[in-house]
Amino acid sequence: MMKDKIKNYLQKVYGVDFFSKTMIVFALILSFINLKFKNRVIEIITMILIVYFGIFRVFSVNKYQRMIENQKFAKAVKPMTDFFEKYKIRAANSKDKKYIKCPNCKKEMKIPRNKGKIKVTCPHCGHKFVKKS
């Protein structure tokens, strides 16, 4: 009986999303920082983050509101995540690709590495130029 009620409730709750995960990780980082500084304000902020994002949002039945909050957060941090994703891809391609900018339109493109001087045509503006790879 009680097991069914708990199971039924857990099917209705929102669960863990990107926003909750990020804030819980942030709270854990703050708590590790607080081990060194032992600041009461950091401790209170950490507890609020853990309670709100670790418990309230995860077990909230208002899925629509939690989804809107998650979308707003994802939209706000998208430039930062795109920045790190871009450099992660660049690091993976660094052995066989070189990244250059078109002198005309300043768009970034990649060319094969270690091919000497090559003639490059910008895919965006069509400008042709010679670049060492």
N, C-alpha and C. Protein backbone atom coordinates (compact mmCIF):
# COMPACT_ATOMS: atom_id res chain seq x y z
N MET A 1 0.82 -1.19 0.00
CA MET A 1 0.00 0.00 0.00
C MET A 1 0.87 1.26 0.00
N MET A 2 1.74 1.39 1.01
CA MET A 2 2.62 2.56 1.10
C MET A 2 3.62 2.56 -0.05
N LYS A 3 4.06 1.37 -0.42
CA LYS A 3 5.02 1.24 -1.52
C LYS A 3 4.40 1.75 -2.82
N ASP A 4 3.14 1.46 -3.03
CA ASP A 4 2.44 1.92 -4.23
C ASP A 4 2.28 3.44 -4.23
N LYS A 5 2.01 4.02 -3.05
CA LYS A 5 1.88 5.47 -2.96
C LYS A 5 3.20 6.17 -3.29
N ILE A 6 4.28 5.63 -2.76
CA ILE A 6 5.60 6.21 -3.04
C ILE A 6 5.94 6.07 -4.52
N LYS A 7 5.68 4.90 -5.07
CA LYS A 7 5.95 4.66 -6.49
C LYS A 7 5.11 5.60 -7.36
N ASN A 8 3.85 5.77 -7.01
CA ASN A 8 2.95 6.66 -7.73
C ASN A 8 3.43 8.11 -7.67
N TYR A 9 3.88 8.54 -6.49
CA TYR A 9 4.37 9.91 -6.32
C TYR A 9 5.65 10.13 -7.14
N LEU A 10 6.56 9.17 -7.10
CA LEU A 10 7.83 9.31 -7.81
C LEU A 10 7.65 9.34 -9.33
N GLN A 11 6.55 8.78 -9.82
CA GLN A 11 6.27 8.86 -11.25
C GLN A 11 5.80 10.26 -11.64
N LYS A 12 5.26 11.00 -10.70
CA LYS A 12 4.75 12.35 -10.97
C LYS A 12 5.81 13.44 -10.82
N VAL A 13 6.90 13.17 -10.11
CA VAL A 13 7.89 14.22 -9.83
C VAL A 13 8.73 14.54 -11.05
N TYR A 14 9.35 15.72 -11.04
CA TYR A 14 10.11 16.22 -12.17
C TYR A 14 11.42 15.47 -12.37
N GLY A 15 12.19 15.28 -11.34
CA GLY A 15 13.46 14.57 -11.45
C GLY A 15 14.64 15.52 -11.62
N VAL A 16 15.79 14.94 -11.92
CA VAL A 16 17.03 15.71 -12.04
C VAL A 16 17.19 16.20 -13.47
N ASP A 17 17.54 17.48 -13.62
CA ASP A 17 17.79 18.05 -14.94
C ASP A 17 19.14 18.77 -14.94
N PHE A 18 19.47 19.41 -16.05
CA PHE A 18 20.75 20.10 -16.22
C PHE A 18 20.94 21.19 -15.16
N PHE A 19 19.90 21.95 -14.90
CA PHE A 19 19.95 23.04 -13.92
C PHE A 19 20.24 22.48 -12.53
N SER A 20 19.53 21.44 -12.14
CA SER A 20 19.73 20.84 -10.82
C SER A 20 21.14 20.27 -10.68
N LYS A 21 21.58 19.54 -11.69
CA LYS A 21 22.93 18.95 -11.64
C LYS A 21 23.99 20.03 -11.50
N THR A 22 23.87 21.09 -12.30
CA THR A 22 24.85 22.17 -12.27
C THR A 22 24.88 22.84 -10.90
N MET A 23 23.73 23.12 -10.34
CA MET A 23 23.69 23.80 -9.05
C MET A 23 24.16 22.90 -7.91
N ILE A 24 23.89 21.61 -7.99
CA ILE A 24 24.37 20.69 -6.96
C ILE A 24 25.90 20.60 -7.02
N VAL A 25 26.45 20.53 -8.23
CA VAL A 25 27.91 20.52 -8.39
C VAL A 25 28.50 21.83 -7.85
N PHE A 26 27.85 22.95 -8.17
CA PHE A 26 28.30 24.25 -7.67
C PHE A 26 28.27 24.28 -6.14
N ALA A 27 27.23 23.71 -5.55
CA ALA A 27 27.12 23.66 -4.08
C ALA A 27 28.24 22.79 -3.49
N LEU A 28 28.56 21.69 -4.15
CA LEU A 28 29.65 20.84 -3.66
C LEU A 28 30.99 21.55 -3.74
N ILE A 29 31.21 22.29 -4.83
CA ILE A 29 32.44 23.08 -4.96
C ILE A 29 32.51 24.13 -3.85
N LEU A 30 31.39 24.80 -3.60
CA LEU A 30 31.35 25.79 -2.52
C LEU A 30 31.64 25.15 -1.16
N SER A 31 31.13 23.95 -0.95
CA SER A 31 31.36 23.30 0.34
C SER A 31 32.83 22.91 0.50
N PHE A 32 33.49 22.50 -0.60
CA PHE A 32 34.93 22.21 -0.52
C PHE A 32 35.74 23.48 -0.27
N ILE A 33 35.33 24.59 -0.89
CA ILE A 33 35.98 25.88 -0.63
C ILE A 33 35.79 26.27 0.83
N ASN A 34 34.60 26.00 1.33
CA ASN A 34 34.28 26.36 2.71
C ASN A 34 35.09 25.55 3.72
N LEU A 35 35.56 24.37 3.34
CA LEU A 35 36.41 23.59 4.25
C LEU A 35 37.69 24.36 4.58
N LYS A 36 38.17 25.14 3.62
CA LYS A 36 39.39 25.91 3.84
C LYS A 36 39.11 27.22 4.58
N PHE A 37 38.05 27.94 4.17
CA PHE A 37 37.81 29.27 4.71
C PHE A 37 36.88 29.29 5.93
N LYS A 38 36.06 28.29 6.08
CA LYS A 38 35.11 28.17 7.19
C LYS A 38 34.28 29.45 7.36
N ASN A 39 33.63 29.86 6.29
CA ASN A 39 32.81 31.07 6.27
C ASN A 39 31.34 30.67 6.44
N ARG A 40 30.66 31.29 7.36
CA ARG A 40 29.26 30.96 7.66
C ARG A 40 28.34 31.30 6.48
N VAL A 41 28.62 32.39 5.76
CA VAL A 41 27.79 32.80 4.62
C VAL A 41 27.87 31.76 3.51
N ILE A 42 29.07 31.29 3.21
CA ILE A 42 29.24 30.25 2.18
C ILE A 42 28.51 28.98 2.60
N GLU A 43 28.57 28.65 3.87
CA GLU A 43 27.88 27.46 4.38
C GLU A 43 26.37 27.57 4.21
N ILE A 44 25.82 28.74 4.50
CA ILE A 44 24.37 28.96 4.35
C ILE A 44 23.97 28.89 2.88
N ILE A 45 24.74 29.53 2.01
CA ILE A 45 24.45 29.48 0.57
C ILE A 45 24.50 28.05 0.07
N THR A 46 25.50 27.30 0.52
CA THR A 46 25.62 25.89 0.12
C THR A 46 24.40 25.08 0.55
N MET A 47 23.96 25.27 1.78
CA MET A 47 22.80 24.53 2.27
C MET A 47 21.54 24.90 1.50
N ILE A 48 21.36 26.18 1.20
CA ILE A 48 20.19 26.60 0.43
C ILE A 48 20.21 25.96 -0.95
N LEU A 49 21.38 25.98 -1.60
CA LEU A 49 21.49 25.37 -2.93
C LEU A 49 21.18 23.88 -2.89
N ILE A 50 21.72 23.19 -1.90
CA ILE A 50 21.49 21.74 -1.81
C ILE A 50 20.02 21.44 -1.53
N VAL A 51 19.42 22.18 -0.61
CA VAL A 51 18.01 21.93 -0.28
C VAL A 51 17.12 22.26 -1.47
N TYR A 52 17.32 23.42 -2.09
CA TYR A 52 16.44 23.83 -3.18
C TYR A 52 16.64 22.97 -4.43
N PHE A 53 17.90 22.84 -4.87
CA PHE A 53 18.15 22.15 -6.13
C PHE A 53 18.26 20.64 -5.95
N GLY A 54 18.70 20.20 -4.79
CA GLY A 54 18.86 18.77 -4.58
C GLY A 54 17.59 18.09 -4.12
N ILE A 55 16.70 18.83 -3.49
CA ILE A 55 15.50 18.21 -2.95
C ILE A 55 14.23 18.79 -3.57
N PHE A 56 14.02 20.09 -3.41
CA PHE A 56 12.76 20.71 -3.86
C PHE A 56 12.53 20.55 -5.36
N ARG A 57 13.50 20.94 -6.19
CA ARG A 57 13.29 20.88 -7.64
C ARG A 57 13.16 19.43 -8.13
N VAL A 58 13.94 18.55 -7.56
CA VAL A 58 13.91 17.15 -8.00
C VAL A 58 12.58 16.49 -7.66
N PHE A 59 12.02 16.80 -6.49
CA PHE A 59 10.77 16.18 -6.06
C PHE A 59 9.55 17.05 -6.31
N SER A 60 9.69 18.09 -7.10
CA SER A 60 8.57 18.97 -7.43
C SER A 60 7.60 18.27 -8.38
N VAL A 61 6.32 18.48 -8.16
CA VAL A 61 5.29 17.90 -9.03
C VAL A 61 4.96 18.87 -10.17
N ASN A 62 5.32 20.13 -10.02
CA ASN A 62 5.05 21.14 -11.04
C ASN A 62 6.11 21.04 -12.15
N LYS A 63 5.93 20.05 -13.02
CA LYS A 63 6.91 19.77 -14.07
C LYS A 63 7.05 20.93 -15.05
N TYR A 64 5.95 21.57 -15.39
CA TYR A 64 5.98 22.65 -16.37
C TYR A 64 6.86 23.81 -15.89
N GLN A 65 6.70 24.21 -14.65
CA GLN A 65 7.50 25.32 -14.11
C GLN A 65 8.98 24.95 -14.02
N ARG A 66 9.29 23.71 -13.60
CA ARG A 66 10.68 23.27 -13.53
C ARG A 66 11.30 23.21 -14.93
N MET A 67 10.52 22.82 -15.93
CA MET A 67 11.00 22.75 -17.30
C MET A 67 11.33 24.16 -17.82
N ILE A 68 10.48 25.13 -17.51
CA ILE A 68 10.72 26.52 -17.92
C ILE A 68 12.00 27.05 -17.26
N GLU A 69 12.18 26.77 -15.97
CA GLU A 69 13.39 27.19 -15.27
C GLU A 69 14.63 26.58 -15.90
N ASN A 70 14.56 25.30 -16.25
CA ASN A 70 15.69 24.61 -16.86
C ASN A 70 16.02 25.21 -18.23
N GLN A 71 14.99 25.51 -19.03
CA GLN A 71 15.22 26.11 -20.34
C GLN A 71 15.85 27.49 -20.23
N LYS A 72 15.40 28.30 -19.29
CA LYS A 72 15.98 29.63 -19.08
C LYS A 72 17.45 29.52 -18.67
N PHE A 73 17.74 28.57 -17.79
CA PHE A 73 19.12 28.38 -17.35
C PHE A 73 19.99 27.91 -18.50
N ALA A 74 19.49 26.93 -19.27
CA ALA A 74 20.27 26.42 -20.41
C ALA A 74 20.54 27.53 -21.42
N LYS A 75 19.55 28.38 -21.65
CA LYS A 75 19.73 29.50 -22.58
C LYS A 75 20.75 30.50 -22.05
N ALA A 76 20.75 30.73 -20.75
CA ALA A 76 21.68 31.68 -20.15
C ALA A 76 23.13 31.20 -20.18
N VAL A 77 23.34 29.89 -20.01
CA VAL A 77 24.71 29.37 -19.98
C VAL A 77 25.17 28.83 -21.33
N LYS A 78 24.33 28.91 -22.36
CA LYS A 78 24.70 28.39 -23.68
C LYS A 78 25.97 29.02 -24.24
N PRO A 79 26.17 30.35 -24.15
CA PRO A 79 27.42 30.90 -24.67
C PRO A 79 28.66 30.31 -23.99
N MET A 80 28.57 30.07 -22.69
CA MET A 80 29.70 29.51 -21.97
C MET A 80 29.93 28.04 -22.35
N THR A 81 28.85 27.27 -22.45
CA THR A 81 29.01 25.86 -22.83
C THR A 81 29.49 25.74 -24.27
N ASP A 82 29.02 26.62 -25.16
CA ASP A 82 29.49 26.62 -26.55
C ASP A 82 30.97 26.94 -26.62
N PHE A 83 31.42 27.89 -25.79
CA PHE A 83 32.83 28.28 -25.75
C PHE A 83 33.70 27.08 -25.38
N PHE A 84 33.33 26.37 -24.31
CA PHE A 84 34.12 25.22 -23.88
C PHE A 84 34.02 24.07 -24.88
N GLU A 85 32.87 23.88 -25.48
CA GLU A 85 32.69 22.83 -26.49
C GLU A 85 33.56 23.10 -27.71
N LYS A 86 33.64 24.36 -28.12
CA LYS A 86 34.45 24.76 -29.27
C LYS A 86 35.92 24.41 -29.03
N TYR A 87 36.43 24.74 -27.86
CA TYR A 87 37.83 24.47 -27.56
C TYR A 87 38.10 23.00 -27.29
N LYS A 88 37.10 22.27 -26.87
CA LYS A 88 37.24 20.82 -26.71
C LYS A 88 37.41 20.17 -28.09
N ILE A 89 36.61 20.61 -29.06
CA ILE A 89 36.71 20.10 -30.43
C ILE A 89 38.05 20.51 -31.04
N ARG A 90 38.45 21.76 -30.82
CA ARG A 90 39.73 22.24 -31.35
C ARG A 90 40.89 21.42 -30.78
N ALA A 91 40.85 21.10 -29.52
CA ALA A 91 41.92 20.32 -28.90
C ALA A 91 41.96 18.91 -29.49
N ALA A 92 40.80 18.34 -29.78
CA ALA A 92 40.76 17.00 -30.37
C ALA A 92 41.31 17.00 -31.79
N ASN A 93 41.11 18.11 -32.53
CA ASN A 93 41.56 18.20 -33.92
C ASN A 93 42.94 18.83 -34.07
N SER A 94 43.60 19.19 -32.98
CA SER A 94 44.82 20.00 -33.07
C SER A 94 45.98 19.30 -33.76
N LYS A 95 46.00 17.98 -33.78
CA LYS A 95 47.12 17.28 -34.40
C LYS A 95 47.04 17.28 -35.92
N ASP A 96 45.84 17.25 -36.48
CA ASP A 96 45.74 17.15 -37.93
C ASP A 96 45.04 18.34 -38.59
N LYS A 97 44.56 19.30 -37.83
CA LYS A 97 43.89 20.48 -38.39
C LYS A 97 44.48 21.75 -37.80
N LYS A 98 44.50 22.81 -38.62
CA LYS A 98 44.93 24.14 -38.16
C LYS A 98 43.76 25.08 -38.38
N TYR A 99 43.50 25.93 -37.41
CA TYR A 99 42.39 26.87 -37.50
C TYR A 99 42.92 28.23 -37.94
N ILE A 100 42.29 28.77 -38.99
CA ILE A 100 42.69 30.08 -39.53
C ILE A 100 41.44 30.94 -39.70
N LYS A 101 41.68 32.25 -39.86
CA LYS A 101 40.57 33.17 -40.12
C LYS A 101 40.72 33.74 -41.51
N CYS A 102 39.61 33.89 -42.19
CA CYS A 102 39.59 34.52 -43.51
C CYS A 102 39.96 36.00 -43.33
N PRO A 103 40.92 36.51 -44.12
CA PRO A 103 41.28 37.93 -43.98
C PRO A 103 40.16 38.87 -44.43
N ASN A 104 39.22 38.37 -45.22
CA ASN A 104 38.15 39.21 -45.75
C ASN A 104 36.96 39.30 -44.80
N CYS A 105 36.39 38.14 -44.44
CA CYS A 105 35.17 38.14 -43.62
C CYS A 105 35.42 37.77 -42.16
N LYS A 106 36.65 37.37 -41.82
CA LYS A 106 37.05 37.02 -40.44
C LYS A 106 36.37 35.78 -39.88
N LYS A 107 35.77 34.97 -40.76
CA LYS A 107 35.17 33.70 -40.31
C LYS A 107 36.29 32.69 -40.09
N GLU A 108 36.08 31.80 -39.13
CA GLU A 108 37.08 30.80 -38.81
C GLU A 108 36.84 29.54 -39.62
N MET A 109 37.94 28.93 -40.06
CA MET A 109 37.85 27.66 -40.80
C MET A 109 39.05 26.81 -40.44
N LYS A 110 38.98 25.53 -40.78
CA LYS A 110 40.11 24.66 -40.49
C LYS A 110 40.69 24.14 -41.79
N ILE A 111 42.03 23.98 -41.78
CA ILE A 111 42.75 23.45 -42.94
C ILE A 111 43.63 22.30 -42.45
N PRO A 112 44.01 21.40 -43.36
CA PRO A 112 44.88 20.30 -42.94
C PRO A 112 46.26 20.81 -42.52
N ARG A 113 46.83 20.20 -41.51
CA ARG A 113 48.14 20.60 -41.01
C ARG A 113 49.26 19.96 -41.82
N ASN A 114 50.43 20.61 -41.83
CA ASN A 114 51.67 20.10 -42.43
C ASN A 114 51.55 19.80 -43.92
N LYS A 115 50.90 20.66 -44.67
CA LYS A 115 50.80 20.51 -46.13
C LYS A 115 51.57 21.61 -46.86
N GLY A 116 52.31 22.44 -46.12
CA GLY A 116 53.04 23.56 -46.73
C GLY A 116 52.09 24.71 -47.02
N LYS A 117 52.44 25.51 -48.04
CA LYS A 117 51.57 26.62 -48.43
C LYS A 117 50.44 26.07 -49.29
N ILE A 118 49.22 26.40 -48.91
CA ILE A 118 48.07 25.93 -49.69
C ILE A 118 47.17 27.10 -50.03
N LYS A 119 46.46 26.95 -51.14
CA LYS A 119 45.51 27.97 -51.57
C LYS A 119 44.17 27.63 -50.92
N VAL A 120 43.62 28.59 -50.21
CA VAL A 120 42.38 28.38 -49.46
C VAL A 120 41.29 29.26 -50.03
N THR A 121 40.10 28.69 -50.19
CA THR A 121 38.92 29.46 -50.58
C THR A 121 37.96 29.47 -49.40
N CYS A 122 37.60 30.66 -48.97
CA CYS A 122 36.69 30.79 -47.83
C CYS A 122 35.31 30.27 -48.24
N PRO A 123 34.73 29.34 -47.47
CA PRO A 123 33.40 28.81 -47.81
C PRO A 123 32.28 29.82 -47.58
N HIS A 124 32.55 30.88 -46.82
CA HIS A 124 31.51 31.86 -46.51
C HIS A 124 31.44 32.97 -47.53
N CYS A 125 32.61 33.56 -47.87
CA CYS A 125 32.60 34.72 -48.77
C CYS A 125 33.23 34.44 -50.13
N GLY A 126 33.91 33.29 -50.28
CA GLY A 126 34.52 32.94 -51.56
C GLY A 126 35.88 33.57 -51.80
N HIS A 127 36.42 34.29 -50.84
CA HIS A 127 37.72 34.94 -50.97
C HIS A 127 38.82 33.88 -51.05
N LYS A 128 39.76 34.05 -51.98
CA LYS A 128 40.87 33.10 -52.14
C LYS A 128 42.14 33.73 -51.60
N PHE A 129 42.89 32.94 -50.85
CA PHE A 129 44.16 33.42 -50.29
C PHE A 129 45.07 32.23 -50.04
N VAL A 130 46.38 32.52 -49.89
CA VAL A 130 47.38 31.48 -49.66
C VAL A 130 47.76 31.53 -48.18
N LYS A 131 47.83 30.35 -47.58
CA LYS A 131 48.14 30.26 -46.15
C LYS A 131 49.06 29.07 -45.91
N LYS A 132 50.00 29.22 -44.98
CA LYS A 132 50.89 28.12 -44.60
C LYS A 132 50.16 27.24 -43.59
N SER A 133 50.19 25.94 -43.84
CA SER A 133 49.44 25.06 -42.93
C SER A 133 50.31 24.35 -41.96
